[in-house]
Amino acid sequence: MSSDALAELVEKYDHLFASEKYEEAAKLGGTILWELYVDGQVAKVSEILGNTINTTSNPVTMSSAWLNLGDVLYDKNLFDKARASYLQGLEVAGSKDSILKARFLYGIANTYFMQGDYTEAKIYYENSLTLSKESGMKSAIADNLLQLSEIARTIGEYDDAEKFGRMSLEINSREKRRHASLRSAQSLSNLAIQFEATGHRDRAKELLLFCLSALQLSENESALDMVRSVLAGFPE
């Protein structure tokens, strides 16, 4: 979208909101949020989301706005404020929409993870994982498993780190999620490096060979090259 076209839509949004046509404004605002964010107009994004939260009577629209606002605040490293937004949205969403609830729980978990509170993060990832499994959301299942693997590796629970990491990589590769597959492979490669450094070279190599096998499904050459490079760095 061109800058002029985006500016016209923003002007139309402002007119609708000033005319108290709040639902129409919220609908239009939702269609231009990403364009505004990419354009660097984060303040305008926050304004639109705040307006929607304060004026809509639709719980789905409101909870979605809370989720998007939380994501904006998270990207700005405002983790406490992001968590507050996610919690507000979680309350609005209630228990009916398990998919949306899982996304809120994942967002809350991420804020705790970034602040180093792995105990709280683990609780929310596990709850998000449960709902994701119930809803059949494969991408969300893989993302939660990866984060649980990262926590386990950080706190020294290496068996769980390997188990969750393998499950995450298998799902991501099978679903051909290229970036997610790379992240899973990087996480397992880091774990393999720890195994090798602590004298468990056979376990490290076996884990990397598993990564290479799993990544064949994703046809992700960058991830495959990364794992091969780590494996080649191990002394014979």
Foldseek 3Di string as FASTA:
>chain_A
DDPVVLVVLVVVLVVCVVVVVLVVSLVSLVVCLVVCVVVVVLVVSLVSLVSNLVRDPDLVSNLVSLQVNLVSCVVVVVLVVSLVSLVVSLVSVDDPDLLSNLSSLQSNLVSCVVVVNNVSSLVSLVSSLVSCVVVVPLLSVLVSLQVQLVSCVVVVVNVSNLVSLLSSLLSCLQVLVQVSNLSSLVSLLVSLVVCVVVPNNVVSLVSLVSSLVSNVSNVHVVSNVVSVVSNVPRDD
